[in-house]
Amino acid sequence: MGKRRRSRELALQALFYMDMSKEASEEALERFCVNFNPPDSARPFFFKIITGVLKYLPQIDALIERFSKNWRIGRMSFVDRNVLRIAVYELLCCSDIPPKVTINEAIDIAKKFGTAESGAFINGIIDSIRLAHENGKIQAGFENHDSPVGL
């Protein structure tokens, strides 16, 4: 398994833990790392994903809800919503990762950790966000904005 795949899977597990415990904090992340000890090779990208998703969580969740027809973020499974959060963060904030790689990784991880329907569900939402981004309806990155353009 590649370093980035391992980082994404660990990030999913950490976000799942924080989501389930309703505690998205440095302390919760530290507890996760003490218990699951991410390998040194996976740590940089793991921490980039976690800190990025948590920093922009309201904007990411609003974007996911905008593109998920009839699905509020709270109704999605914990696995699906956290895979989506990671993928949206990557699509909009990690310009070094091709969108097709982000989408394929999200689908593969969703199939591994989610339900039989998770892959198709994730693909539909992420591909819609990708298309909107490519068509200029969503701005890349969140750094200087309260929310992505179009929200």
Protein backbone atom coordinates (compact mmCIF):
# COMPACT_ATOMS: atom_id res chain seq x y z
CA MET A 1 0.00 0.00 0.00
CA GLY A 2 1.32 3.44 -0.93
CA LYS A 3 2.11 6.15 1.60
CA ARG A 4 -0.70 8.43 0.49
CA ARG A 5 -3.26 5.59 0.53
CA ARG A 6 -2.16 4.72 4.06
CA SER A 7 -2.42 8.40 5.03
CA ARG A 8 -5.93 8.66 3.60
CA GLU A 9 -7.10 5.51 5.38
CA LEU A 10 -5.68 6.68 8.69
CA ALA A 11 -7.22 10.11 8.16
CA LEU A 12 -10.58 8.46 7.54
CA GLN A 13 -10.23 6.47 10.75
CA ALA A 14 -9.21 9.54 12.77
CA LEU A 15 -12.03 11.67 11.35
CA PHE A 16 -14.49 8.80 11.94
CA TYR A 17 -13.35 8.63 15.58
CA MET A 18 -13.68 12.40 16.07
CA ASP A 19 -17.05 12.43 14.31
CA MET A 20 -18.43 9.55 16.40
CA SER A 21 -17.17 11.02 19.67
CA LYS A 22 -18.25 14.54 18.63
CA GLU A 23 -14.79 15.77 19.61
CA ALA A 24 -12.81 17.32 16.77
CA SER A 25 -9.83 18.56 18.77
CA GLU A 26 -6.07 18.30 19.03
CA GLU A 27 -6.53 16.12 22.09
CA ALA A 28 -8.72 13.68 20.18
CA LEU A 29 -6.17 13.55 17.36
CA GLU A 30 -3.37 12.95 19.87
CA ARG A 31 -5.36 10.08 21.45
CA PHE A 32 -5.88 8.57 18.02
CA CYS A 33 -2.16 8.80 17.22
CA VAL A 34 -1.16 7.29 20.57
CA ASN A 35 -3.47 4.33 20.02
CA PHE A 36 -2.89 3.76 16.30
CA ASN A 37 0.61 5.22 15.82
CA PRO A 38 0.59 6.32 12.16
CA PRO A 39 3.87 5.29 10.49
CA ASP A 40 6.42 8.06 9.96
CA SER A 41 6.08 7.71 6.19
CA ALA A 42 2.33 8.44 6.34
CA ARG A 43 2.36 11.21 8.94
CA PRO A 44 2.95 14.33 6.80
CA PHE A 45 0.04 13.74 4.42
CA PHE A 46 -2.11 12.31 7.24
CA PHE A 47 -1.71 15.52 9.27
CA LYS A 48 -2.23 17.69 6.19
CA ILE A 49 -5.56 15.98 5.49
CA ILE A 50 -6.77 16.09 9.09
CA THR A 51 -5.83 19.72 9.73
CA GLY A 52 -7.21 20.82 6.36
CA VAL A 53 -10.53 19.01 6.75
CA LEU A 54 -11.02 20.29 10.30
CA LYS A 55 -10.04 23.85 9.37
CA TYR A 56 -12.58 24.02 6.55
CA LEU A 57 -15.19 21.58 7.89
CA PRO A 58 -18.21 23.95 7.69
CA GLN A 59 -17.37 24.93 4.10
CA ILE A 60 -16.68 21.33 3.08
CA ASP A 61 -19.91 20.07 4.63
CA ALA A 62 -21.94 22.84 2.97
CA LEU A 63 -20.44 21.92 -0.40
CA ILE A 64 -21.18 18.21 0.11
CA GLU A 65 -24.79 18.99 1.02
CA ARG A 66 -25.13 21.24 -2.01
CA PHE A 67 -24.13 18.42 -4.36
CA SER A 68 -25.80 15.49 -2.60
CA LYS A 69 -29.37 15.38 -3.73
CA ASN A 70 -31.77 14.84 -0.82
CA TRP A 71 -28.95 13.88 1.57
CA ARG A 72 -28.11 16.13 4.49
CA ILE A 73 -24.66 15.56 5.92
CA GLY A 74 -26.13 14.27 9.20
CA ARG A 75 -28.03 11.51 7.41
CA MET A 76 -24.95 10.11 5.67
CA SER A 77 -23.03 7.24 7.21
CA PHE A 78 -19.97 8.24 9.22
CA VAL A 79 -17.70 6.51 6.71
CA ASP A 80 -19.28 8.08 3.63
CA ARG A 81 -19.32 11.62 4.97
CA ASN A 82 -15.69 11.45 6.11
CA VAL A 83 -14.50 9.95 2.82
CA LEU A 84 -16.34 12.81 1.10
CA ARG A 85 -14.74 15.38 3.40
CA ILE A 86 -11.27 14.09 2.59
CA ALA A 87 -11.97 14.01 -1.15
CA VAL A 88 -13.43 17.53 -1.22
CA TYR A 89 -10.45 18.86 0.70
CA GLU A 90 -8.08 17.17 -1.76
CA LEU A 91 -9.99 18.38 -4.82
CA LEU A 92 -10.02 22.00 -3.72
CA CYS A 93 -6.83 22.37 -1.70
CA CYS A 94 -4.28 19.86 -3.02
CA SER A 95 -3.48 21.00 -6.54
CA ASP A 96 -0.62 18.49 -6.76
CA ILE A 97 -3.11 15.59 -6.80
CA PRO A 98 -4.97 14.97 -10.08
CA PRO A 99 -8.75 14.96 -9.56
CA LYS A 100 -9.07 11.45 -11.04
CA VAL A 101 -6.64 10.15 -8.42
CA THR A 102 -8.62 11.79 -5.63
CA ILE A 103 -11.88 10.32 -6.94
CA ASN A 104 -10.45 6.83 -7.46
CA GLU A 105 -8.88 6.82 -3.99
CA ALA A 106 -12.14 7.98 -2.40
CA ILE A 107 -14.13 5.27 -4.19
CA ASP A 108 -11.65 2.53 -3.26
CA ILE A 109 -11.54 3.59 0.39
CA ALA A 110 -15.33 3.89 0.53
CA LYS A 111 -15.68 0.36 -0.86
CA LYS A 112 -13.19 -0.96 1.69
CA PHE A 113 -14.67 0.73 4.78
CA GLY A 114 -18.26 1.49 3.75
CA THR A 115 -21.23 -0.39 2.39
CA ALA A 116 -21.80 -1.98 -1.01
CA GLU A 117 -23.40 1.29 -2.18
CA SER A 118 -20.71 3.62 -0.78
CA GLY A 119 -18.51 3.65 -3.89
CA ALA A 120 -21.30 4.75 -6.23
CA PHE A 121 -22.63 7.27 -3.71
CA ILE A 122 -19.20 8.85 -3.24
CA ASN A 123 -18.48 8.83 -6.98
CA GLY A 124 -21.70 10.67 -7.83
CA ILE A 125 -21.14 13.48 -5.36
CA ILE A 126 -17.40 13.93 -5.86
CA ASP A 127 -17.67 13.85 -9.65
CA SER A 128 -20.37 16.57 -9.51
CA ILE A 129 -18.11 18.71 -7.33
CA ARG A 130 -15.19 18.08 -9.69
CA LEU A 131 -17.23 19.17 -12.71
CA ALA A 132 -18.45 22.32 -10.95
CA HIS A 133 -14.89 23.13 -9.97
CA GLU A 134 -13.58 22.59 -13.51
CA ASN A 135 -16.38 24.82 -14.85
CA GLY A 136 -15.45 27.63 -12.46
CA LYS A 137 -18.54 27.30 -10.28
CA ILE A 138 -16.42 26.40 -7.26
CA GLN A 139 -13.17 28.11 -6.43
CA ALA A 140 -10.07 26.13 -5.54
CA GLY A 141 -8.95 26.37 -1.95
CA PHE A 142 -10.61 27.99 1.00
CA GLU A 143 -7.72 30.05 2.32
CA ASN A 144 -9.01 33.57 1.70
CA HIS A 145 -12.72 32.86 1.64
CA ASP A 146 -15.43 32.19 4.18
CA SER A 147 -16.83 29.61 1.79
CA PRO A 148 -16.15 28.43 -1.75
CA VAL A 149 -17.61 30.55 -4.52
CA GLY A 150 -21.16 29.53 -5.31
CA LEU A 151 -22.28 28.56 -1.82
